[in-house]
Amino acid sequence: MKKRDPYFDNAKYVLIFLVVFGHLLTGLKENHPFFYSIYETIYLFHMPAFILISGYFAKGFRKQGYYLKITKSLLIPYAIFQLIYSFFYFFSGKHETLSFTWLDPYWTLWFLLSLFLWNVLLPLFAKSPKMIIPAVALGLVAGWFDSVGSFLSLSRTLVYFPLFLAGYYFSRPFFTQLQRKGVRIAAVFVLLAVAGFNHFALPNDMTGWLLGSVSYGTLGASWWEGTAFRFFWYIGAAVATASFFALSPAKESLITRLGSKSIFIYLLHGFAVKFILSFPGVREISQPAQLPALLLLTFFVTLLLSCPAVTKTTQPFIQAQFKPGRKIAGPSNRVQ
């Protein structure tokens, strides 16, 4: 069995940490402009980086049984959690009636559906790195149509597919080159510059543009304005994502194990975030000095959701592992 690469597990933990932290900020970002700046900076690269990693580990899509494996590891958990969210939203009072939808993903579940569809699209684009160009074109054109939205997670599937495809074409030496000292130093300044630009230059209503889930018209822009903005978003996301990978630690540590459990944290943290934000004291956080407490809370959530008791209990639903000792293999972190 090939050994897991700690570099990618470390990156996955930092990214899932930012996912949880970002979702906590979703309920607080309007309390202070600084919160909005952090939120926009995180959302520029955290999901693009996650998606790029997913593409990197999709290199075995031509192997026999690959699509059966990802169907089990992605669509079964997707269906189960769609059902759970239906009950959750009904009993929490968000929905007045109990309704079930299978093709319009709830909240974070879009990633599972899109990840499956990216793998389905991959054979059509895995012929040459030049195919990234038409993939970007698809992502730009997707914003022209109001009908391309959350149904089947189609908008995000098309918008983020170029990042998945880029990850597929990248080799391990590419990430090694990003770890050079000069590149790492430059990456620090790049991310600081991005954060500064978000704070001082961008308005606080850019969330819709960063999510890539609706058309340009829905966001109040013409087709050409939206196309131009998304094109520059691709550039900004690529630079910020490369900077993140340059700074991601490569040595095995505590976060390596936590990163290997990122799928558990991803699928379960939504319920934890909803619970935490239900407390008035949390919703009233409005000062930058309070952010360290929020960061500590985020770490606690990730630690709790990746602990053996939780992962063992939820494994049948999250990894489609119904027989002890038998693991359904899907996209992983094995050394390539």
Protein backbone atom coordinates (compact mmCIF):
# COMPACT_ATOMS: atom_id res chain seq x y z
CA MET A 1 0.00 0.00 0.00
CA LYS A 2 1.31 3.42 -0.91
CA LYS A 3 2.04 5.83 1.90
CA ARG A 4 -0.10 8.95 2.30
CA ASP A 5 1.61 12.21 1.46
CA PRO A 6 1.56 14.40 4.61
CA TYR A 7 1.87 17.56 2.50
CA PHE A 8 -1.62 17.13 1.10
CA ASP A 9 -3.14 16.00 4.40
CA ASN A 10 -1.66 19.09 6.04
CA ALA A 11 -3.08 21.27 3.28
CA LYS A 12 -6.49 19.61 3.62
CA TYR A 13 -6.57 20.29 7.35
CA VAL A 14 -5.73 23.96 6.97
CA LEU A 15 -8.38 24.21 4.24
CA ILE A 16 -11.09 22.43 6.23
CA PHE A 17 -10.20 24.64 9.19
CA LEU A 18 -10.79 27.66 6.96
CA VAL A 19 -14.05 26.16 5.70
CA VAL A 20 -15.37 25.86 9.26
CA PHE A 21 -14.01 29.28 10.24
CA GLY A 22 -15.46 30.83 7.09
CA HIS A 23 -18.89 29.36 7.77
CA LEU A 24 -18.78 30.74 11.30
CA LEU A 25 -17.89 34.12 9.81
CA THR A 26 -20.87 33.84 7.46
CA GLY A 27 -23.12 34.62 10.40
CA LEU A 28 -20.82 37.34 11.76
CA LYS A 29 -19.24 39.09 8.77
CA GLU A 30 -21.73 41.93 8.79
CA ASN A 31 -20.78 42.80 12.38
CA HIS A 32 -17.46 44.40 11.38
CA PRO A 33 -15.79 45.35 8.05
CA PHE A 34 -12.63 43.50 9.09
CA PHE A 35 -14.62 40.26 9.34
CA TYR A 36 -15.81 40.77 5.78
CA SER A 37 -12.23 41.24 4.57
CA ILE A 38 -11.10 37.99 6.18
CA TYR A 39 -14.14 36.19 4.83
CA GLU A 40 -13.52 37.36 1.25
CA THR A 41 -9.82 36.49 1.44
CA ILE A 42 -10.58 32.96 2.66
CA TYR A 43 -13.25 32.41 0.02
CA LEU A 44 -10.90 33.47 -2.75
CA PHE A 45 -8.75 30.36 -2.36
CA HIS A 46 -9.96 27.79 0.18
CA MET A 47 -12.42 25.92 -2.05
CA PRO A 48 -10.29 26.40 -5.21
CA ALA A 49 -7.40 24.77 -3.33
CA PHE A 50 -9.60 21.92 -2.10
CA ILE A 51 -10.86 21.36 -5.62
CA LEU A 52 -7.36 21.44 -7.07
CA ILE A 53 -6.29 18.72 -4.60
CA SER A 54 -9.31 16.66 -5.65
CA GLY A 55 -8.26 16.94 -9.28
CA TYR A 56 -4.68 15.97 -8.43
CA PHE A 57 -5.92 12.70 -6.91
CA ALA A 58 -8.22 11.94 -9.84
CA LYS A 59 -5.33 10.69 -11.97
CA GLY A 60 -6.54 7.11 -11.66
CA PHE A 61 -9.90 7.74 -13.35
CA ARG A 62 -9.01 5.33 -16.15
CA LYS A 63 -8.58 2.41 -13.75
CA GLN A 64 -11.25 -0.27 -13.77
CA GLY A 65 -13.86 0.27 -11.08
CA TYR A 66 -12.93 3.90 -10.46
CA TYR A 67 -16.36 5.31 -11.27
CA LEU A 68 -18.12 2.64 -9.23
CA LYS A 69 -15.95 3.61 -6.28
CA ILE A 70 -16.61 7.34 -6.54
CA THR A 71 -20.32 6.68 -7.04
CA LYS A 72 -20.35 4.85 -3.71
CA SER A 73 -18.07 7.29 -1.91
CA LEU A 74 -19.75 10.47 -3.20
CA LEU A 75 -23.35 9.86 -4.22
CA ILE A 76 -24.34 7.62 -1.31
CA PRO A 77 -23.18 10.14 1.34
CA TYR A 78 -24.75 12.91 -0.76
CA ALA A 79 -28.15 11.18 -0.72
CA ILE A 80 -27.92 10.36 2.99
CA PHE A 81 -27.02 13.91 4.00
CA GLN A 82 -29.64 15.43 1.70
CA LEU A 83 -32.14 13.38 3.68
CA ILE A 84 -30.64 14.41 7.02
CA TYR A 85 -30.69 18.10 6.06
CA SER A 86 -34.34 17.82 5.02
CA PHE A 87 -35.25 16.70 8.53
CA PHE A 88 -32.79 19.13 10.14
CA TYR A 89 -34.21 22.18 8.40
CA PHE A 90 -37.78 21.08 9.15
CA PHE A 91 -37.29 20.41 12.86
CA SER A 92 -35.12 23.53 13.30
CA GLY A 93 -37.94 25.65 11.87
CA LYS A 94 -36.11 26.85 8.77
CA HIS A 95 -38.57 25.00 6.51
CA GLU A 96 -42.29 25.04 7.29
CA THR A 97 -42.91 21.71 5.61
CA LEU A 98 -40.88 18.53 5.37
CA SER A 99 -39.70 18.30 1.78
CA PHE A 100 -37.09 16.21 0.00
CA THR A 101 -34.95 17.28 -2.91
CA TRP A 102 -32.27 15.17 -4.52
CA LEU A 103 -31.00 17.33 -7.39
CA ASP A 104 -30.68 20.69 -5.62
CA PRO A 105 -28.01 20.21 -2.96
CA TYR A 106 -28.32 21.66 0.51
CA TRP A 107 -25.58 24.04 1.66
CA THR A 108 -22.19 22.26 1.73
CA LEU A 109 -23.39 19.19 -0.16
CA TRP A 110 -22.84 20.88 -3.51
CA PHE A 111 -19.18 19.82 -3.26
CA LEU A 112 -20.01 16.09 -3.30
CA LEU A 113 -22.27 16.42 -6.32
CA SER A 114 -19.84 18.67 -8.18
CA LEU A 115 -16.91 16.39 -7.35
CA PHE A 116 -18.77 13.50 -8.94
CA LEU A 117 -19.60 15.58 -12.03
CA TRP A 118 -15.99 16.83 -12.36
CA ASN A 119 -14.87 13.22 -12.51
CA VAL A 120 -17.52 12.54 -15.15
CA LEU A 121 -16.28 15.49 -17.23
CA LEU A 122 -12.62 14.57 -16.83
CA PRO A 123 -12.36 12.04 -19.71
CA LEU A 124 -13.51 14.74 -22.12
CA PHE A 125 -10.77 17.16 -21.02
CA ALA A 126 -7.90 14.86 -20.01
CA LYS A 127 -6.29 14.92 -23.45
CA SER A 128 -4.02 17.94 -23.15
CA PRO A 129 -3.29 20.73 -20.63
CA LYS A 130 -4.57 23.08 -23.33
CA MET A 131 -8.06 21.81 -22.51
CA ILE A 132 -7.97 24.10 -19.48
CA ILE A 133 -8.74 26.94 -21.91
CA PRO A 134 -12.16 25.60 -23.02
CA ALA A 135 -12.84 24.65 -19.40
CA VAL A 136 -12.30 28.28 -18.37
CA ALA A 137 -14.50 29.37 -21.28
CA LEU A 138 -17.29 27.13 -19.99
CA GLY A 139 -16.92 28.64 -16.53
CA LEU A 140 -17.17 32.16 -17.97
CA VAL A 141 -20.14 31.41 -20.22
CA ALA A 142 -22.02 29.63 -17.41
CA GLY A 143 -22.67 32.99 -15.82
CA TRP A 144 -24.61 34.21 -18.86
CA PHE A 145 -27.62 32.02 -18.14
CA ASP A 146 -29.99 32.38 -15.20
CA SER A 147 -30.96 28.73 -15.65
CA VAL A 148 -27.44 27.62 -14.70
CA GLY A 149 -27.65 27.76 -10.92
CA SER A 150 -27.88 25.47 -7.92
CA PHE A 151 -29.83 22.69 -9.68
CA LEU A 152 -27.41 19.76 -9.94
CA SER A 153 -24.85 22.25 -8.60
CA LEU A 154 -24.37 23.07 -12.29
CA SER A 155 -23.03 26.60 -11.90
CA ARG A 156 -20.35 25.69 -9.38
CA THR A 157 -19.52 22.54 -11.34
CA LEU A 158 -18.72 24.55 -14.45
CA VAL A 159 -17.13 27.52 -12.66
CA TYR A 160 -14.74 25.43 -10.55
CA PHE A 161 -14.00 22.72 -13.11
CA PRO A 162 -10.87 24.47 -14.49
CA LEU A 163 -9.29 24.23 -11.02
CA PHE A 164 -10.10 20.53 -10.80
CA LEU A 165 -8.63 20.03 -14.27
CA ALA A 166 -5.50 22.00 -13.38
CA GLY A 167 -5.02 19.78 -10.33
CA TYR A 168 -5.27 16.72 -12.57
CA TYR A 169 -2.45 18.02 -14.77
CA PHE A 170 -0.16 19.11 -11.93
CA SER A 171 2.54 16.68 -10.79
CA ARG A 172 4.12 16.36 -7.34
CA PRO A 173 7.29 18.23 -8.41
CA PHE A 174 5.13 21.27 -9.18
CA PHE A 175 4.15 21.51 -5.51
CA THR A 176 7.73 20.83 -4.47
CA GLN A 177 8.87 23.83 -6.52
CA LEU A 178 6.30 25.99 -4.73
CA GLN A 179 7.99 25.07 -1.44
CA ARG A 180 11.22 26.87 -2.34
CA LYS A 181 12.21 29.56 0.16
CA GLY A 182 11.93 32.45 -2.29
CA VAL A 183 8.48 31.36 -3.43
CA ARG A 184 7.30 30.96 0.17
CA ILE A 185 8.44 34.48 1.06
CA ALA A 186 6.69 35.88 -2.00
CA ALA A 187 3.56 33.92 -1.08
CA VAL A 188 3.35 35.69 2.28
CA PHE A 189 3.38 39.08 0.60
CA VAL A 190 0.87 37.95 -2.03
CA LEU A 191 -1.67 36.83 0.57
CA LEU A 192 -1.14 40.00 2.61
CA ALA A 193 -1.67 42.04 -0.56
CA VAL A 194 -4.83 40.09 -1.36
CA ALA A 195 -6.16 40.66 2.15
CA GLY A 196 -5.32 44.36 1.93
CA PHE A 197 -7.00 44.67 -1.47
CA ASN A 198 -10.12 42.97 -0.15
CA HIS A 199 -10.24 45.29 2.84
CA PHE A 200 -9.54 48.61 1.17
CA ALA A 201 -10.69 48.18 -2.43
CA LEU A 202 -13.54 45.66 -2.63
CA PRO A 203 -17.03 46.39 -1.33
CA ASN A 204 -18.56 44.14 1.33
CA ASP A 205 -21.13 42.59 -0.98
CA MET A 206 -18.88 40.35 -3.08
CA THR A 207 -20.03 37.06 -1.55
CA GLY A 208 -22.19 36.09 -4.53
CA TRP A 209 -19.27 36.58 -6.90
CA LEU A 210 -16.96 34.44 -4.79
CA LEU A 211 -19.38 31.51 -4.49
CA GLY A 212 -19.86 31.05 -8.24
CA SER A 213 -23.36 29.70 -7.72
CA VAL A 214 -25.56 32.14 -9.69
CA SER A 215 -25.63 34.00 -12.99
CA TYR A 216 -24.18 37.45 -13.62
CA GLY A 217 -27.67 38.83 -14.10
CA THR A 218 -28.72 37.60 -10.67
CA LEU A 219 -25.77 39.52 -9.26
CA GLY A 220 -26.89 42.68 -11.05
CA ALA A 221 -24.22 42.72 -13.76
CA SER A 222 -24.32 42.55 -17.54
CA TRP A 223 -22.90 39.53 -19.31
CA TRP A 224 -19.69 41.32 -20.26
CA GLU A 225 -19.16 42.86 -16.80
CA GLY A 226 -19.68 39.48 -15.19
CA THR A 227 -17.42 37.73 -17.68
CA ALA A 228 -14.63 40.23 -17.04
CA PHE A 229 -14.96 39.98 -13.27
CA ARG A 230 -14.99 36.17 -13.29
CA PHE A 231 -11.93 36.12 -15.56
CA PHE A 232 -10.00 38.27 -13.10
CA TRP A 233 -11.37 36.13 -10.28
CA TYR A 234 -9.80 33.10 -11.96
CA ILE A 235 -6.45 34.88 -11.99
CA GLY A 236 -6.76 36.03 -8.39
CA ALA A 237 -7.89 32.60 -7.21
CA ALA A 238 -5.00 30.91 -9.05
CA VAL A 239 -2.40 33.25 -7.52
CA ALA A 240 -3.85 33.01 -4.01
CA THR A 241 -4.18 29.21 -4.28
CA ALA A 242 -0.57 28.83 -5.43
CA SER A 243 0.49 31.03 -2.51
CA PHE A 244 -1.43 28.82 -0.11
CA PHE A 245 0.28 25.67 -1.41
CA ALA A 246 3.66 27.39 -1.13
CA LEU A 247 3.03 27.95 2.59
CA SER A 248 1.41 24.60 3.37
CA PRO A 249 3.66 22.55 5.72
CA ALA A 250 5.19 19.41 4.25
CA LYS A 251 6.24 17.51 7.40
CA GLU A 252 4.03 15.12 9.31
CA SER A 253 2.47 16.59 12.46
CA LEU A 254 -0.75 16.64 14.50
CA ILE A 255 -2.69 18.29 11.69
CA THR A 256 -1.68 15.52 9.27
CA ARG A 257 -3.99 13.04 10.99
CA LEU A 258 -6.76 15.62 11.23
CA GLY A 259 -6.39 16.39 7.52
CA SER A 260 -6.83 12.73 6.64
CA LYS A 261 -10.30 12.98 8.23
CA SER A 262 -11.31 16.14 6.40
CA ILE A 263 -14.35 14.55 4.73
CA PHE A 264 -15.85 13.85 8.18
CA ILE A 265 -15.30 17.44 9.27
CA TYR A 266 -16.70 18.77 6.01
CA LEU A 267 -19.95 16.82 6.11
CA LEU A 268 -20.59 17.19 9.84
CA HIS A 269 -19.47 20.74 10.58
CA GLY A 270 -22.60 22.36 9.15
CA PHE A 271 -24.66 21.09 12.07
CA ALA A 272 -22.02 22.25 14.55
CA VAL A 273 -21.87 25.72 12.96
CA LYS A 274 -25.67 26.08 13.07
CA PHE A 275 -25.63 25.07 16.73
CA ILE A 276 -22.81 27.47 17.66
CA LEU A 277 -24.39 30.41 15.85
CA SER A 278 -27.66 29.81 17.69
CA PHE A 279 -26.10 31.26 20.85
CA PRO A 280 -26.69 35.04 21.19
CA GLY A 281 -23.23 35.57 22.66
CA VAL A 282 -21.60 34.15 19.54
CA ARG A 283 -23.82 36.10 17.14
CA GLU A 284 -22.81 39.31 18.92
CA ILE A 285 -19.07 38.88 18.25
CA SER A 286 -18.17 42.15 16.58
CA GLN A 287 -14.58 43.05 17.44
CA PRO A 288 -11.36 41.82 15.78
CA ALA A 289 -9.94 41.17 19.26
CA GLN A 290 -12.54 38.42 19.65
CA LEU A 291 -11.34 36.50 16.59
CA PRO A 292 -8.72 34.41 18.49
CA ALA A 293 -11.57 32.91 20.52
CA LEU A 294 -13.40 32.10 17.29
CA LEU A 295 -10.25 30.48 15.89
CA LEU A 296 -9.90 28.39 19.04
CA LEU A 297 -13.54 27.37 18.75
CA THR A 298 -12.95 26.37 15.12
CA PHE A 299 -10.01 24.20 16.12
CA PHE A 300 -12.13 22.52 18.81
CA VAL A 301 -14.86 21.76 16.25
CA THR A 302 -12.38 20.21 13.81
CA LEU A 303 -10.78 18.21 16.61
CA LEU A 304 -14.12 16.92 17.85
CA LEU A 305 -15.47 15.96 14.42
CA SER A 306 -12.29 14.07 13.49
CA CYS A 307 -11.94 12.14 16.76
CA PRO A 308 -12.13 8.32 16.53
CA ALA A 309 -15.49 8.12 18.33
CA VAL A 310 -17.14 10.39 15.77
CA THR A 311 -15.46 8.98 12.67
CA LYS A 312 -16.18 5.38 13.66
CA THR A 313 -19.83 6.16 14.35
CA THR A 314 -20.43 8.11 11.15
CA GLN A 315 -18.21 6.07 8.82
CA PRO A 316 -21.07 3.97 7.40
CA PHE A 317 -22.81 7.14 6.21
CA ILE A 318 -19.79 9.17 5.14
CA GLN A 319 -17.54 6.58 3.52
CA ALA A 320 -20.23 4.05 2.54
CA GLN A 321 -18.37 1.53 4.67
CA PHE A 322 -20.97 -0.89 5.93
CA LYS A 323 -18.71 -3.86 6.67
CA PRO A 324 -16.03 -3.59 9.39
CA GLY A 325 -12.54 -3.60 7.97
CA ARG A 326 -13.66 -2.90 4.41
CA LYS A 327 -13.07 0.60 3.14
CA ILE A 328 -14.54 2.00 -0.02
CA ALA A 329 -11.63 3.60 -1.84
CA GLY A 330 -12.12 6.93 -3.48
CA PRO A 331 -9.95 9.96 -4.24
CA SER A 332 -7.27 9.85 -1.56
CA ASN A 333 -3.92 11.26 -0.59
CA ARG A 334 -1.70 8.43 -1.71
CA VAL A 335 1.70 9.44 -2.95
CA GLN A 336 1.59 9.69 -6.73
